[in-house]
PDB file of N, CA and C in Angstrom:
ATOM      1  N   MET A   1     -69.482  38.333  90.195  1.00  0.00           N
ATOM      2  CA  MET A   1     -68.055  38.478  90.066  1.00  0.00           C
ATOM      3  C   MET A   1     -67.455  38.455  91.491  1.00  0.00           C
ATOM      4  N   THR A   2     -66.478  37.828  91.752  1.00  0.00           N
ATOM      5  CA  THR A   2     -65.794  37.872  93.046  1.00  0.00           C
ATOM      6  C   THR A   2     -65.033  39.065  92.963  1.00  0.00           C
ATOM      7  N   ILE A   3     -64.550  39.555  94.210  1.00  0.00           N
ATOM      8  CA  ILE A   3     -63.574  40.678  94.213  1.00  0.00           C
ATOM      9  C   ILE A   3     -62.286  40.270  93.563  1.00  0.00           C
ATOM     10  N   ALA A   4     -61.868  39.059  93.588  1.00  0.00           N
ATOM     11  CA  ALA A   4     -60.565  38.835  92.935  1.00  0.00           C
ATOM     12  C   ALA A   4     -60.844  38.703  91.401  1.00  0.00           C
ATOM     13  N   GLU A   5     -61.864  38.365  90.923  1.00  0.00           N
ATOM     14  CA  GLU A   5     -62.206  38.392  89.481  1.00  0.00           C
ATOM     15  C   GLU A   5     -62.319  39.664  88.898  1.00  0.00           C
ATOM     16  N   VAL A   6     -62.981  40.639  89.851  1.00  0.00           N
ATOM     17  CA  VAL A   6     -63.044  42.063  89.390  1.00  0.00           C
ATOM     18  C   VAL A   6     -61.770  42.670  89.318  1.00  0.00           C
ATOM     19  N   ALA A   7     -60.792  42.372  90.251  1.00  0.00           N
ATOM     20  CA  ALA A   7     -59.377  42.929  90.328  1.00  0.00           C
ATOM     21  C   ALA A   7     -58.740  42.481  89.229  1.00  0.00           C
ATOM     22  N   ASP A   8     -58.747  41.171  88.707  1.00  0.00           N
ATOM     23  CA  ASP A   8     -58.108  40.817  87.468  1.00  0.00           C
ATOM     24  C   ASP A   8     -58.632  41.430  86.291  1.00  0.00           C
ATOM     25  N   PHE A   9     -59.962  41.604  86.246  1.00  0.00           N
ATOM     26  CA  PHE A   9     -60.553  42.132  85.004  1.00  0.00           C
ATOM     27  C   PHE A   9     -60.164  43.683  84.766  1.00  0.00           C
ATOM     28  N   LEU A  10     -60.070  44.417  85.981  1.00  0.00           N
ATOM     29  CA  LEU A  10     -59.785  45.730  86.077  1.00  0.00           C
ATOM     30  C   LEU A  10     -58.213  46.138  86.072  1.00  0.00           C
ATOM     31  N   PHE A  11     -57.466  45.168  86.349  1.00  0.00           N
ATOM     32  CA  PHE A  11     -56.121  45.335  86.459  1.00  0.00           C
ATOM     33  C   PHE A  11     -55.703  46.284  87.845  1.00  0.00           C
ATOM     34  N   VAL A  12     -56.345  45.932  88.869  1.00  0.00           N
ATOM     35  CA  VAL A  12     -56.277  46.673  90.177  1.00  0.00           C
ATOM     36  C   VAL A  12     -56.236  45.803  91.343  1.00  0.00           C
ATOM     37  N   SER A  13     -55.888  46.189  92.428  1.00  0.00           N
ATOM     38  CA  SER A  13     -55.865  45.305  93.565  1.00  0.00           C
ATOM     39  C   SER A  13     -57.201  45.089  94.189  1.00  0.00           C
ATOM     40  N   ARG A  14     -57.277  43.943  94.870  1.00  0.00           N
ATOM     41  CA  ARG A  14     -58.452  43.610  95.692  1.00  0.00           C
ATOM     42  C   ARG A  14     -59.062  44.701  96.549  1.00  0.00           C
ATOM     43  N   SER A  15     -57.965  45.414  97.134  1.00  0.00           N
ATOM     44  CA  SER A  15     -58.297  46.307  98.219  1.00  0.00           C
ATOM     45  C   SER A  15     -58.904  47.571  97.406  1.00  0.00           C
ATOM     46  N   HIS A  16     -58.397  47.814  96.090  1.00  0.00           N
ATOM     47  CA  HIS A  16     -58.922  48.892  95.347  1.00  0.00           C
ATOM     48  C   HIS A  16     -60.348  48.597  94.916  1.00  0.00           C
ATOM     49  N   VAL A  17     -60.745  47.380  94.656  1.00  0.00           N
ATOM     50  CA  VAL A  17     -61.994  47.019  94.429  1.00  0.00           C
ATOM     51  C   VAL A  17     -62.937  47.232  95.448  1.00  0.00           C
ATOM     52  N   ARG A  18     -62.504  46.786  96.761  1.00  0.00           N
ATOM     53  CA  ARG A  18     -63.129  47.038  97.987  1.00  0.00           C
ATOM     54  C   ARG A  18     -63.601  48.510  98.155  1.00  0.00           C
ATOM     55  N   ARG A  19     -62.574  49.303  97.965  1.00  0.00           N
ATOM     56  CA  ARG A  19     -62.775  50.899  97.917  1.00  0.00           C
ATOM     57  C   ARG A  19     -63.795  51.446  96.908  1.00  0.00           C
ATOM     58  N   LEU A  20     -63.874  50.752  95.650  1.00  0.00           N
ATOM     59  CA  LEU A  20     -64.858  51.043  94.714  1.00  0.00           C
ATOM     60  C   LEU A  20     -66.145  50.666  95.122  1.00  0.00           C
ATOM     61  N   LEU A  21     -66.157  49.534  95.835  1.00  0.00           N
ATOM     62  CA  LEU A  21     -67.673  49.198  96.338  1.00  0.00           C
ATOM     63  C   LEU A  21     -67.996  50.022  97.451  1.00  0.00           C
ATOM     64  N   GLU A  22     -67.289  50.433  98.301  1.00  0.00           N
ATOM     65  CA  GLU A  22     -67.521  51.182  99.314  1.00  0.00           C
ATOM     66  C   GLU A  22     -68.027  52.828  98.909  1.00  0.00           C
ATOM     67  N   SER A  23     -67.382  53.026  97.935  1.00  0.00           N
ATOM     68  CA  SER A  23     -67.674  54.389  97.371  1.00  0.00           C
ATOM     69  C   SER A  23     -68.807  54.418  96.469  1.00  0.00           C
ATOM     70  N   GLY A  24     -69.437  53.171  95.995  1.00  0.00           N
ATOM     71  CA  GLY A  24     -70.512  53.167  95.029  1.00  0.00           C
ATOM     72  C   GLY A  24     -70.079  53.146  93.754  1.00  0.00           C
ATOM     73  N   ASP A  25     -68.946  53.268  93.238  1.00  0.00           N
ATOM     74  CA  ASP A  25     -68.507  53.046  92.036  1.00  0.00           C
ATOM     75  C   ASP A  25     -68.867  51.758  91.318  1.00  0.00           C
ATOM     76  N   LEU A  26     -68.886  50.725  92.198  1.00  0.00           N
ATOM     77  CA  LEU A  26     -69.191  49.434  91.855  1.00  0.00           C
ATOM     78  C   LEU A  26     -70.362  48.965  92.703  1.00  0.00           C
ATOM     79  N   LEU A  27     -71.341  48.169  92.138  1.00  0.00           N
ATOM     80  CA  LEU A  27     -72.436  47.627  92.966  1.00  0.00           C
ATOM     81  C   LEU A  27     -72.116  46.199  93.285  1.00  0.00           C
ATOM     82  N   GLY A  28     -72.343  45.883  94.600  1.00  0.00           N
ATOM     83  CA  GLY A  28     -72.271  44.570  94.926  1.00  0.00           C
ATOM     84  C   GLY A  28     -73.065  44.183  96.163  1.00  0.00           C
ATOM     85  N   ALA A  29     -73.020  43.134  96.773  1.00  0.00           N
ATOM     86  CA  ALA A  29     -73.805  42.641  97.900  1.00  0.00           C
ATOM     87  C   ALA A  29     -72.996  41.474  98.535  1.00  0.00           C
ATOM     88  N   ARG A  30     -73.125  41.313  99.965  1.00  0.00           N
ATOM     89  CA  ARG A  30     -72.482  40.264 100.351  1.00  0.00           C
ATOM     90  C   ARG A  30     -73.286  39.131 100.368  1.00  0.00           C
ATOM     91  N   GLY A  31     -72.718  38.033 100.161  1.00  0.00           N
ATOM     92  CA  GLY A  31     -73.254  36.631  99.834  1.00  0.00           C
ATOM     93  C   GLY A  31     -73.581  36.003 101.299  1.00  0.00           C
ATOM     94  N   ASP A  32     -74.103  34.931 101.318  1.00  0.00           N
ATOM     95  CA  ASP A  32     -74.217  34.082 102.450  1.00  0.00           C
ATOM     96  C   ASP A  32     -72.886  33.814 103.145  1.00  0.00           C
ATOM     97  N   ASP A  33     -72.107  33.697 102.417  1.00  0.00           N
ATOM     98  CA  ASP A  33     -70.643  33.359 103.174  1.00  0.00           C
ATOM     99  C   ASP A  33     -69.867  34.628 103.554  1.00  0.00           C
ATOM    100  N   GLY A  34     -70.547  35.800 103.450  1.00  0.00           N
ATOM    101  CA  GLY A  34     -69.748  37.038 103.851  1.00  0.00           C
ATOM    102  C   GLY A  34     -69.098  37.696 102.823  1.00  0.00           C
ATOM    103  N   GLU A  35     -68.684  36.964 101.690  1.00  0.00           N
ATOM    104  CA  GLU A  35     -67.951  37.491 100.508  1.00  0.00           C
ATOM    105  C   GLU A  35     -68.901  38.448  99.602  1.00  0.00           C
ATOM    106  N   TYR A  36     -68.171  39.264  99.191  1.00  0.00           N
ATOM    107  CA  TYR A  36     -68.904  40.257  98.085  1.00  0.00           C
ATOM    108  C   TYR A  36     -69.154  39.609  96.852  1.00  0.00           C
ATOM    109  N   ILE A  37     -70.299  39.715  96.217  1.00  0.00           N
ATOM    110  CA  ILE A  37     -70.582  39.315  94.970  1.00  0.00           C
ATOM    111  C   ILE A  37     -70.875  40.721  94.160  1.00  0.00           C
ATOM    112  N   VAL A  38     -69.995  41.037  93.150  1.00  0.00           N
ATOM    113  CA  VAL A  38     -69.998  42.286  92.387  1.00  0.00           C
ATOM    114  C   VAL A  38     -70.937  42.185  91.176  1.00  0.00           C
ATOM    115  N   ASP A  39     -71.794  43.115  90.833  1.00  0.00           N
ATOM    116  CA  ASP A  39     -72.405  43.111  89.819  1.00  0.00           C
ATOM    117  C   ASP A  39     -71.698  43.305  88.524  1.00  0.00           C
ATOM    118  N   GLU A  40     -71.703  42.295  87.730  1.00  0.00           N
ATOM    119  CA  GLU A  40     -70.807  42.251  86.387  1.00  0.00           C
ATOM    120  C   GLU A  40     -71.269  43.572  85.593  1.00  0.00           C
ATOM    121  N   GLU A  41     -72.408  43.891  85.457  1.00  0.00           N
ATOM    122  CA  GLU A  41     -72.852  45.107  84.575  1.00  0.00           C
ATOM    123  C   GLU A  41     -72.037  46.234  84.999  1.00  0.00           C
ATOM    124  N   SER A  42     -72.025  46.463  86.395  1.00  0.00           N
ATOM    125  CA  SER A  42     -71.354  47.689  86.970  1.00  0.00           C
ATOM    126  C   SER A  42     -69.885  47.626  86.591  1.00  0.00           C
ATOM    127  N   VAL A  43     -69.314  46.509  86.847  1.00  0.00           N
ATOM    128  CA  VAL A  43     -67.904  46.297  86.571  1.00  0.00           C
ATOM    129  C   VAL A  43     -67.692  46.760  85.046  1.00  0.00           C
ATOM    130  N   ARG A  44     -68.262  46.274  84.189  1.00  0.00           N
ATOM    131  CA  ARG A  44     -68.089  46.515  82.725  1.00  0.00           C
ATOM    132  C   ARG A  44     -68.336  47.977  82.388  1.00  0.00           C
ATOM    133  N   THR A  45     -69.406  48.586  83.086  1.00  0.00           N
ATOM    134  CA  THR A  45     -69.657  50.032  82.803  1.00  0.00           C
ATOM    135  C   THR A  45     -68.404  50.781  83.418  1.00  0.00           C
ATOM    136  N   TYR A  46     -67.832  50.383  84.519  1.00  0.00           N
ATOM    137  CA  TYR A  46     -66.854  51.226  85.121  1.00  0.00           C
ATOM    138  C   TYR A  46     -65.511  51.096  84.195  1.00  0.00           C
ATOM    139  N   ARG A  47     -65.389  49.840  83.720  1.00  0.00           N
ATOM    140  CA  ARG A  47     -64.179  49.680  82.750  1.00  0.00           C
ATOM    141  C   ARG A  47     -64.378  50.622  81.559  1.00  0.00           C
ATOM    142  N   LEU A  48     -65.350  50.565  81.027  1.00  0.00           N
ATOM    143  CA  LEU A  48     -65.794  51.385  79.757  1.00  0.00           C
ATOM    144  C   LEU A  48     -65.493  52.894  80.024  1.00  0.00           C
ATOM    145  N   GLU A  49     -65.963  53.352  81.247  1.00  0.00           N
ATOM    146  CA  GLU A  49     -65.718  54.672  81.627  1.00  0.00           C
ATOM    147  C   GLU A  49     -64.247  55.086  81.711  1.00  0.00           C
ATOM    148  N   MET A  50     -63.572  54.211  82.373  1.00  0.00           N
ATOM    149  CA  MET A  50     -62.034  54.430  82.763  1.00  0.00           C
ATOM    150  C   MET A  50     -61.284  54.293  81.414  1.00  0.00           C
ATOM    151  N   ASP A  51     -61.711  53.451  80.396  1.00  0.00           N
ATOM    152  CA  ASP A  51     -61.103  53.382  79.103  1.00  0.00           C
ATOM    153  C   ASP A  51     -61.398  54.734  78.564  1.00  0.00           C
ATOM    154  N   GLU A  52     -62.565  55.301  78.454  1.00  0.00           N
ATOM    155  CA  GLU A  52     -62.894  56.434  77.872  1.00  0.00           C
ATOM    156  C   GLU A  52     -62.159  57.745  78.308  1.00  0.00           C
ATOM    157  N   ARG A  53     -61.933  57.680  79.656  1.00  0.00           N
ATOM    158  CA  ARG A  53     -61.345  58.760  80.387  1.00  0.00           C
ATOM    159  C   ARG A  53     -59.889  58.739  79.869  1.00  0.00           C
ATOM    160  N   ALA A  54     -59.193  57.548  79.796  1.00  0.00           N
ATOM    161  CA  ALA A  54     -57.893  57.390  79.484  1.00  0.00           C
ATOM    162  C   ALA A  54     -57.679  57.800  77.890  1.00  0.00           C
ATOM    163  N   ARG A  55     -58.595  57.387  77.138  1.00  0.00           N
ATOM    164  CA  ARG A  55     -58.687  57.869  75.751  1.00  0.00           C
ATOM    165  C   ARG A  55     -58.759  59.351  75.464  1.00  0.00           C
ATOM    166  N   ARG A  56     -59.578  59.923  76.198  1.00  0.00           N
ATOM    167  CA  ARG A  56     -59.891  61.492  75.968  1.00  0.00           C
ATOM    168  C   ARG A  56     -58.412  62.079  76.546  1.00  0.00           C
ATOM    169  N   TYR A  57     -57.840  61.617  77.531  1.00  0.00           N
ATOM    170  CA  TYR A  57     -56.607  62.195  78.056  1.00  0.00           C
ATOM    171  C   TYR A  57     -55.517  62.055  76.999  1.00  0.00           C
ATOM    172  N   LEU A  58     -55.320  60.818  76.453  1.00  0.00           N
ATOM    173  CA  LEU A  58     -54.354  60.641  75.453  1.00  0.00           C
ATOM    174  C   LEU A  58     -54.411  61.550  74.224  1.00  0.00           C
ATOM    175  N   ASP A  59     -55.872  61.434  73.823  1.00  0.00           N
ATOM    176  CA  ASP A  59     -56.126  62.347  72.643  1.00  0.00           C
ATOM    177  C   ASP A  59     -55.964  63.823  72.903  1.00  0.00           C
ATOM    178  N   SER A  60     -55.898  64.285  74.155  1.00  0.00           N
ATOM    179  CA  SER A  60     -55.686  65.697  74.399  1.00  0.00           C
ATOM    180  C   SER A  60     -54.122  66.024  74.524  1.00  0.00           C
ATOM    181  N   GLN A  61     -53.282  65.008  74.518  1.00  0.00           N
ATOM    182  CA  GLN A  61     -51.972  65.443  74.700  1.00  0.00           C
ATOM    183  C   GLN A  61     -51.333  65.693  73.244  1.00  0.00           C
ATOM    184  N   THR A  62     -50.424  66.675  73.370  1.00  0.00           N
ATOM    185  CA  THR A  62     -49.750  66.975  72.031  1.00  0.00           C
ATOM    186  C   THR A  62     -48.248  66.879  72.304  1.00  0.00           C
ATOM    187  N   GLU A  63     -47.501  67.171  71.296  1.00  0.00           N
ATOM    188  CA  GLU A  63     -46.041  67.198  71.339  1.00  0.00           C
ATOM    189  C   GLU A  63     -45.475  68.204  72.367  1.00  0.00           C
ATOM    190  N   ALA A  64     -46.252  69.414  72.516  1.00  0.00           N
ATOM    191  CA  ALA A  64     -45.818  70.414  73.172  1.00  0.00           C
ATOM    192  C   ALA A  64     -45.934  70.011  74.829  1.00  0.00           C
ATOM    193  N   ASP A  65     -46.791  68.972  75.217  1.00  0.00           N
ATOM    194  CA  ASP A  65     -46.894  68.360  76.516  1.00  0.00           C
ATOM    195  C   ASP A  65     -45.940  67.478  76.940  1.00  0.00           C
ATOM    196  N   GLU A  66     -45.031  67.072  76.027  1.00  0.00           N
ATOM    197  CA  GLU A  66     -43.952  66.137  76.550  1.00  0.00           C
ATOM    198  C   GLU A  66     -42.783  66.834  77.156  1.00  0.00           C
ATOM    199  N   PRO A  67     -42.216  66.091  78.211  1.00  0.00           N
ATOM    200  CA  PRO A  67     -41.135  66.846  78.821  1.00  0.00           C
ATOM    201  C   PRO A  67     -39.941  66.989  77.900  1.00  0.00           C
ATOM    202  N   PRO A  68     -39.132  68.039  78.377  1.00  0.00           N
ATOM    203  CA  PRO A  68     -37.967  68.374  77.591  1.00  0.00           C
ATOM    204  C   PRO A  68     -36.982  67.300  77.338  1.00  0.00           C
ATOM    205  N   GLY A  69     -36.496  67.043  76.132  1.00  0.00           N
ATOM    206  CA  GLY A  69     -35.584  65.881  75.829  1.00  0.00           C
ATOM    207  C   GLY A  69     -36.064  64.676  75.359  1.00  0.00           C
ATOM    208  N   LEU A  70     -37.422  64.665  75.322  1.00  0.00           N
ATOM    209  CA  LEU A  70     -38.003  63.375  74.760  1.00  0.00           C
ATOM    210  C   LEU A  70     -38.440  63.507  73.182  1.00  0.00           C
TER     211      LEU A  70
END
């Protein structure tokens, strides 16, 4: 996948995808043209992990956690 495709898939910016590659959260390599080719499996794994984190966070919230007046 290209950086642009990954950004669309994850709903993030291309610069964020580059940071994820630099930090090792996503796997990729530079192609012959100098552009990153991102490993699709690492993207899908990252998305599943982020979805699970969001789900756990939302499940942990109670009415007591809401700001006053809502």
